[in-house]
């Protein structure tokens, strides 16, 4: 039982900033790496940013220098700071967690998504 709940999405103008948050609850021992995905209408879901347990971060090329992923010391919250937003960033953003190989842990976990709309 792992639940991921996103918050912080909204509507804003190009060039603006937004901070997404993801709160994990339940059997958080089942969580290893965490990451953010997004999916726009008519497009495939893509990995936006990821952070491993050792602190290593990775970003898709289109958001490098604009987005920053972070995970708190308790390993139960995830954030995505988004700056200089563009209309092409418009998508439903999903929090995702990789599961550990512990007994009774699932392979992975998904949040319900939070909508980010960038429009003038």
N, C-alpha and C. Protein backbone atom coordinates (compact mmCIF):
# COMPACT_ATOMS: atom_id res chain seq x y z
N UNK A 1 0.82 -1.19 0.00
CA UNK A 1 0.00 0.00 0.00
C UNK A 1 0.86 1.25 0.00
N UNK A 2 1.07 1.80 -1.17
CA UNK A 2 1.76 3.08 -1.33
C UNK A 2 0.83 4.01 -2.08
N UNK A 3 0.66 5.20 -1.56
CA UNK A 3 -0.14 6.22 -2.22
C UNK A 3 0.74 7.42 -2.55
N UNK A 4 0.58 7.93 -3.76
CA UNK A 4 1.29 9.12 -4.21
C UNK A 4 0.26 10.17 -4.57
N UNK A 5 0.37 11.35 -3.99
CA UNK A 5 -0.58 12.42 -4.22
C UNK A 5 0.17 13.67 -4.67
N UNK A 6 -0.14 14.12 -5.89
CA UNK A 6 0.49 15.31 -6.44
C UNK A 6 -0.30 16.56 -6.09
N UNK A 7 0.39 17.69 -6.07
CA UNK A 7 -0.25 18.98 -5.88
C UNK A 7 0.62 20.05 -6.52
N UNK A 8 0.04 21.22 -6.72
CA UNK A 8 0.80 22.36 -7.21
C UNK A 8 0.57 22.71 -8.67
N UNK A 9 -0.19 21.92 -9.39
CA UNK A 9 -0.46 22.24 -10.78
C UNK A 9 -1.35 23.46 -10.91
N UNK A 10 -1.43 23.99 -12.11
CA UNK A 10 -2.26 25.16 -12.33
C UNK A 10 -2.09 25.74 -13.71
N UNK A 11 -2.69 26.90 -13.90
CA UNK A 11 -2.65 27.65 -15.15
C UNK A 11 -1.79 28.89 -14.96
N UNK A 12 -0.83 29.08 -15.85
CA UNK A 12 0.01 30.27 -15.79
C UNK A 12 0.53 30.66 -17.16
N UNK A 13 1.15 31.83 -17.22
CA UNK A 13 1.63 32.39 -18.48
C UNK A 13 3.03 31.89 -18.81
N UNK A 14 3.40 31.91 -20.10
CA UNK A 14 4.77 31.55 -20.47
C UNK A 14 5.79 32.39 -19.72
N UNK A 15 6.87 31.75 -19.33
CA UNK A 15 7.92 32.41 -18.56
C UNK A 15 7.71 32.33 -17.06
N UNK A 16 6.56 31.87 -16.63
CA UNK A 16 6.27 31.76 -15.22
C UNK A 16 6.91 30.55 -14.58
N UNK A 17 6.70 30.43 -13.27
CA UNK A 17 7.27 29.34 -12.50
C UNK A 17 6.19 28.62 -11.71
N UNK A 18 6.42 27.36 -11.46
CA UNK A 18 5.48 26.54 -10.71
C UNK A 18 6.27 25.46 -9.98
N UNK A 19 5.79 25.09 -8.81
CA UNK A 19 6.44 24.05 -8.03
C UNK A 19 5.44 22.93 -7.75
N UNK A 20 5.74 21.75 -8.26
CA UNK A 20 4.91 20.59 -8.04
C UNK A 20 5.43 19.81 -6.83
N UNK A 21 4.51 19.19 -6.11
CA UNK A 21 4.88 18.38 -4.96
C UNK A 21 4.19 17.04 -5.05
N UNK A 22 4.83 16.04 -4.48
CA UNK A 22 4.29 14.69 -4.42
C UNK A 22 4.52 14.15 -3.02
N UNK A 23 3.44 13.76 -2.36
CA UNK A 23 3.53 13.20 -1.02
C UNK A 23 3.28 11.69 -1.08
N UNK A 24 4.21 10.94 -0.53
CA UNK A 24 4.10 9.49 -0.48
C UNK A 24 3.66 9.06 0.91
N UNK A 25 2.78 8.10 0.97
CA UNK A 25 2.31 7.58 2.24
C UNK A 25 2.07 6.08 2.12
N UNK A 26 1.83 5.44 3.25
CA UNK A 26 1.64 4.01 3.27
C UNK A 26 2.95 3.30 3.53
N UNK A 27 3.20 2.23 2.79
CA UNK A 27 4.41 1.44 2.97
C UNK A 27 5.57 2.06 2.21
N UNK A 28 6.05 3.18 2.72
CA UNK A 28 7.09 3.92 2.01
C UNK A 28 8.42 3.17 1.95
N UNK A 29 8.56 2.11 2.74
CA UNK A 29 9.76 1.29 2.64
C UNK A 29 9.84 0.64 1.26
N UNK A 30 8.73 0.57 0.57
CA UNK A 30 8.68 -0.03 -0.76
C UNK A 30 9.21 0.89 -1.85
N UNK A 31 9.50 2.13 -1.52
CA UNK A 31 9.89 3.12 -2.51
C UNK A 31 11.40 3.21 -2.63
N UNK A 32 11.88 3.17 -3.86
CA UNK A 32 13.30 3.41 -4.13
C UNK A 32 13.43 4.74 -4.87
N UNK A 33 13.72 4.72 -6.15
CA UNK A 33 13.84 5.96 -6.92
C UNK A 33 12.47 6.59 -7.15
N UNK A 34 12.47 7.91 -7.33
CA UNK A 34 11.24 8.63 -7.63
C UNK A 34 11.49 9.54 -8.82
N UNK A 35 10.43 9.82 -9.57
CA UNK A 35 10.59 10.63 -10.76
C UNK A 35 9.27 11.28 -11.16
N UNK A 36 9.36 12.19 -12.12
CA UNK A 36 8.20 12.88 -12.68
C UNK A 36 8.07 12.54 -14.15
N UNK A 37 6.87 12.19 -14.56
CA UNK A 37 6.52 11.99 -15.95
C UNK A 37 5.49 13.04 -16.35
N UNK A 38 5.31 13.22 -17.65
CA UNK A 38 4.24 14.08 -18.13
C UNK A 38 3.69 13.51 -19.43
N UNK A 39 2.44 13.84 -19.69
CA UNK A 39 1.79 13.39 -20.91
C UNK A 39 0.86 14.47 -21.43
N UNK A 40 1.10 14.89 -22.64
CA UNK A 40 0.25 15.86 -23.32
C UNK A 40 -0.69 15.12 -24.26
N UNK A 41 -1.83 15.71 -24.59
CA UNK A 41 -2.78 15.06 -25.51
C UNK A 41 -2.11 14.68 -26.82
N UNK A 42 -2.32 13.45 -27.25
CA UNK A 42 -1.76 12.98 -28.50
C UNK A 42 -0.30 12.61 -28.46
N UNK A 43 0.32 12.69 -27.29
CA UNK A 43 1.72 12.36 -27.16
C UNK A 43 1.92 11.21 -26.17
N UNK A 44 3.04 10.55 -26.30
CA UNK A 44 3.38 9.49 -25.37
C UNK A 44 3.83 10.08 -24.04
N UNK A 45 3.62 9.31 -22.99
CA UNK A 45 4.10 9.74 -21.69
C UNK A 45 5.63 9.73 -21.69
N UNK A 46 6.24 10.79 -21.19
CA UNK A 46 7.68 10.89 -21.19
C UNK A 46 8.22 11.14 -19.79
N UNK A 47 9.40 10.62 -19.55
CA UNK A 47 10.10 10.88 -18.30
C UNK A 47 10.67 12.29 -18.35
N UNK A 48 10.34 13.09 -17.34
CA UNK A 48 10.80 14.47 -17.28
C UNK A 48 12.05 14.60 -16.43
N UNK A 49 12.01 14.04 -15.23
CA UNK A 49 13.12 14.16 -14.30
C UNK A 49 13.08 13.00 -13.32
N UNK A 50 14.25 12.59 -12.86
CA UNK A 50 14.35 11.49 -11.93
C UNK A 50 15.43 11.78 -10.90
N UNK A 51 15.24 11.26 -9.70
CA UNK A 51 16.25 11.34 -8.66
C UNK A 51 16.37 9.97 -8.01
N UNK A 52 17.61 9.48 -7.93
CA UNK A 52 17.87 8.20 -7.32
C UNK A 52 18.14 8.37 -5.83
N UNK A 53 18.19 7.25 -5.11
CA UNK A 53 18.42 7.32 -3.67
C UNK A 53 19.78 7.90 -3.32
N UNK A 54 20.74 7.82 -4.23
CA UNK A 54 22.05 8.40 -3.97
C UNK A 54 22.12 9.88 -4.31
N UNK A 55 21.00 10.47 -4.71
CA UNK A 55 20.94 11.88 -5.00
C UNK A 55 21.17 12.25 -6.45
N UNK A 56 21.54 11.32 -7.28
CA UNK A 56 21.76 11.59 -8.69
C UNK A 56 20.46 12.01 -9.36
N UNK A 57 20.53 13.06 -10.16
CA UNK A 57 19.35 13.55 -10.87
C UNK A 57 19.58 13.47 -12.37
N UNK A 58 18.48 13.26 -13.09
CA UNK A 58 18.53 13.20 -14.54
C UNK A 58 17.31 13.92 -15.11
N UNK A 59 17.49 14.56 -16.26
CA UNK A 59 16.44 15.34 -16.88
C UNK A 59 16.36 15.05 -18.37
N UNK A 60 15.16 15.14 -18.89
CA UNK A 60 15.03 15.08 -20.33
C UNK A 60 15.60 16.38 -20.91
N UNK A 61 16.14 16.30 -22.11
CA UNK A 61 16.89 17.41 -22.68
C UNK A 61 16.09 18.71 -22.75
N UNK A 62 14.81 18.62 -23.03
CA UNK A 62 14.00 19.81 -23.23
C UNK A 62 13.79 20.65 -21.97
N UNK A 63 14.06 20.10 -20.79
CA UNK A 63 13.82 20.84 -19.56
C UNK A 63 15.11 21.15 -18.80
N UNK A 64 16.24 20.71 -19.30
CA UNK A 64 17.51 20.97 -18.63
C UNK A 64 17.75 22.47 -18.50
N UNK A 65 18.15 22.88 -17.31
CA UNK A 65 18.39 24.29 -17.04
C UNK A 65 17.16 25.04 -16.60
N UNK A 66 15.98 24.44 -16.73
CA UNK A 66 14.73 25.09 -16.34
C UNK A 66 14.04 24.39 -15.17
N UNK A 67 14.12 23.07 -15.14
CA UNK A 67 13.45 22.29 -14.10
C UNK A 67 14.46 21.74 -13.11
N UNK A 68 14.05 21.60 -11.86
CA UNK A 68 14.88 21.01 -10.83
C UNK A 68 14.06 20.03 -10.01
N UNK A 69 14.51 18.79 -9.93
CA UNK A 69 13.84 17.79 -9.12
C UNK A 69 14.57 17.68 -7.78
N UNK A 70 13.82 17.47 -6.71
CA UNK A 70 14.41 17.31 -5.40
C UNK A 70 13.57 16.36 -4.56
N UNK A 71 14.23 15.77 -3.58
CA UNK A 71 13.59 14.81 -2.69
C UNK A 71 14.06 15.12 -1.28
N UNK A 72 13.13 15.16 -0.31
CA UNK A 72 13.52 15.56 1.03
C UNK A 72 14.25 14.44 1.76
N UNK A 73 14.82 14.77 2.92
CA UNK A 73 15.65 13.83 3.65
C UNK A 73 14.87 12.63 4.17
N UNK A 74 13.58 12.77 4.36
CA UNK A 74 12.75 11.67 4.84
C UNK A 74 12.38 10.71 3.72
N UNK A 75 12.67 11.09 2.49
CA UNK A 75 12.40 10.26 1.32
C UNK A 75 10.92 9.99 1.10
N UNK A 76 10.09 10.88 1.61
CA UNK A 76 8.65 10.68 1.43
C UNK A 76 7.96 11.82 0.69
N UNK A 77 8.72 12.80 0.23
CA UNK A 77 8.15 13.85 -0.60
C UNK A 77 9.08 14.13 -1.78
N UNK A 78 8.48 14.51 -2.87
CA UNK A 78 9.19 14.80 -4.10
C UNK A 78 8.69 16.13 -4.65
N UNK A 79 9.59 16.92 -5.22
CA UNK A 79 9.24 18.23 -5.75
C UNK A 79 9.81 18.41 -7.15
N UNK A 80 9.15 19.24 -7.91
CA UNK A 80 9.65 19.63 -9.22
C UNK A 80 9.47 21.13 -9.36
N UNK A 81 10.58 21.86 -9.31
CA UNK A 81 10.56 23.29 -9.52
C UNK A 81 10.69 23.55 -11.01
N UNK A 82 9.71 24.23 -11.57
CA UNK A 82 9.66 24.49 -13.00
C UNK A 82 9.74 25.99 -13.24
N UNK A 83 10.77 26.42 -13.94
CA UNK A 83 10.97 27.83 -14.26
C UNK A 83 10.94 28.03 -15.77
N UNK A 84 10.74 29.27 -16.17
CA UNK A 84 10.73 29.64 -17.59
C UNK A 84 9.82 28.70 -18.39
N UNK A 85 8.62 28.53 -17.89
CA UNK A 85 7.70 27.58 -18.51
C UNK A 85 7.29 28.01 -19.91
N UNK A 86 7.11 27.03 -20.77
CA UNK A 86 6.74 27.23 -22.16
C UNK A 86 5.41 26.54 -22.44
N UNK A 87 4.69 26.98 -23.46
CA UNK A 87 3.43 26.31 -23.81
C UNK A 87 3.61 24.81 -24.04
N UNK A 88 4.75 24.41 -24.57
CA UNK A 88 4.98 22.99 -24.81
C UNK A 88 5.18 22.18 -23.54
N UNK A 89 5.28 22.86 -22.40
CA UNK A 89 5.33 22.16 -21.12
C UNK A 89 3.94 21.76 -20.63
N UNK A 90 2.91 22.22 -21.30
CA UNK A 90 1.55 21.88 -20.92
C UNK A 90 1.33 20.38 -21.00
N UNK A 91 0.90 19.80 -19.89
CA UNK A 91 0.71 18.36 -19.82
C UNK A 91 0.14 17.98 -18.46
N UNK A 92 -0.26 16.74 -18.35
CA UNK A 92 -0.61 16.17 -17.07
C UNK A 92 0.67 15.57 -16.49
N UNK A 93 1.06 16.04 -15.32
CA UNK A 93 2.30 15.61 -14.70
C UNK A 93 2.03 14.56 -13.64
N UNK A 94 2.76 13.45 -13.73
CA UNK A 94 2.58 12.32 -12.83
C UNK A 94 3.79 12.11 -11.95
N UNK A 95 3.56 11.87 -10.69
CA UNK A 95 4.58 11.41 -9.77
C UNK A 95 4.67 9.89 -9.89
N UNK A 96 5.88 9.38 -9.90
CA UNK A 96 6.11 7.94 -10.05
C UNK A 96 7.21 7.50 -9.10
N UNK A 97 7.06 6.29 -8.57
CA UNK A 97 8.08 5.72 -7.69
C UNK A 97 8.36 4.30 -8.11
N UNK A 98 9.64 3.96 -8.18
CA UNK A 98 10.04 2.58 -8.41
C UNK A 98 9.93 1.80 -7.11
N UNK A 99 9.40 0.58 -7.19
CA UNK A 99 9.29 -0.26 -6.02
C UNK A 99 10.57 -1.03 -5.76
N UNK A 100 10.79 -1.36 -4.48
CA UNK A 100 11.90 -2.21 -4.12
C UNK A 100 11.51 -3.66 -4.36
N UNK A 101 12.46 -4.56 -4.12
CA UNK A 101 12.21 -5.98 -4.31
C UNK A 101 11.81 -6.68 -3.02
N UNK A 102 11.41 -5.90 -2.02
CA UNK A 102 10.92 -6.49 -0.77
C UNK A 102 9.62 -7.25 -1.03
N UNK A 103 9.42 -8.31 -0.26
CA UNK A 103 8.17 -9.05 -0.34
C UNK A 103 7.01 -8.11 -0.02
N UNK A 104 5.95 -8.22 -0.79
CA UNK A 104 4.73 -7.43 -0.64
C UNK A 104 4.85 -6.01 -1.18
N UNK A 105 5.96 -5.69 -1.84
CA UNK A 105 6.09 -4.41 -2.53
C UNK A 105 5.75 -4.61 -4.00
N UNK A 106 5.10 -3.62 -4.57
CA UNK A 106 4.77 -3.67 -5.98
C UNK A 106 5.96 -3.24 -6.83
N UNK A 107 5.84 -3.44 -8.13
CA UNK A 107 6.91 -3.08 -9.04
C UNK A 107 7.12 -1.57 -9.10
N UNK A 108 6.02 -0.82 -9.14
CA UNK A 108 6.11 0.63 -9.14
C UNK A 108 4.77 1.23 -8.72
N UNK A 109 4.74 2.56 -8.58
CA UNK A 109 3.56 3.26 -8.10
C UNK A 109 3.37 4.56 -8.87
N UNK A 110 2.11 4.93 -9.09
CA UNK A 110 1.77 6.14 -9.83
C UNK A 110 0.80 7.00 -9.04
N UNK A 111 0.99 8.31 -9.14
CA UNK A 111 -0.01 9.24 -8.64
C UNK A 111 -1.10 9.44 -9.68
N UNK A 112 -2.11 10.23 -9.34
CA UNK A 112 -3.22 10.47 -10.25
C UNK A 112 -2.93 11.56 -11.27
N UNK A 113 -1.91 12.35 -11.04
CA UNK A 113 -1.54 13.40 -11.96
C UNK A 113 -2.05 14.76 -11.55
N UNK A 114 -1.32 15.80 -11.93
CA UNK A 114 -1.75 17.17 -11.72
C UNK A 114 -1.53 17.95 -13.01
N UNK A 115 -2.51 18.74 -13.39
CA UNK A 115 -2.49 19.42 -14.68
C UNK A 115 -1.68 20.71 -14.61
N UNK A 116 -0.79 20.88 -15.58
CA UNK A 116 -0.04 22.12 -15.75
C UNK A 116 -0.38 22.67 -17.13
N UNK A 117 -0.90 23.88 -17.17
CA UNK A 117 -1.27 24.52 -18.42
C UNK A 117 -0.55 25.85 -18.53
N UNK A 118 0.23 26.01 -19.60
CA UNK A 118 1.00 27.23 -19.84
C UNK A 118 0.43 27.89 -21.09
N UNK A 119 -0.18 29.04 -20.91
CA UNK A 119 -0.87 29.70 -22.02
C UNK A 119 -0.92 31.20 -21.77
N UNK A 120 -0.84 31.97 -22.86
CA UNK A 120 -0.98 33.41 -22.77
C UNK A 120 -2.41 33.86 -22.99
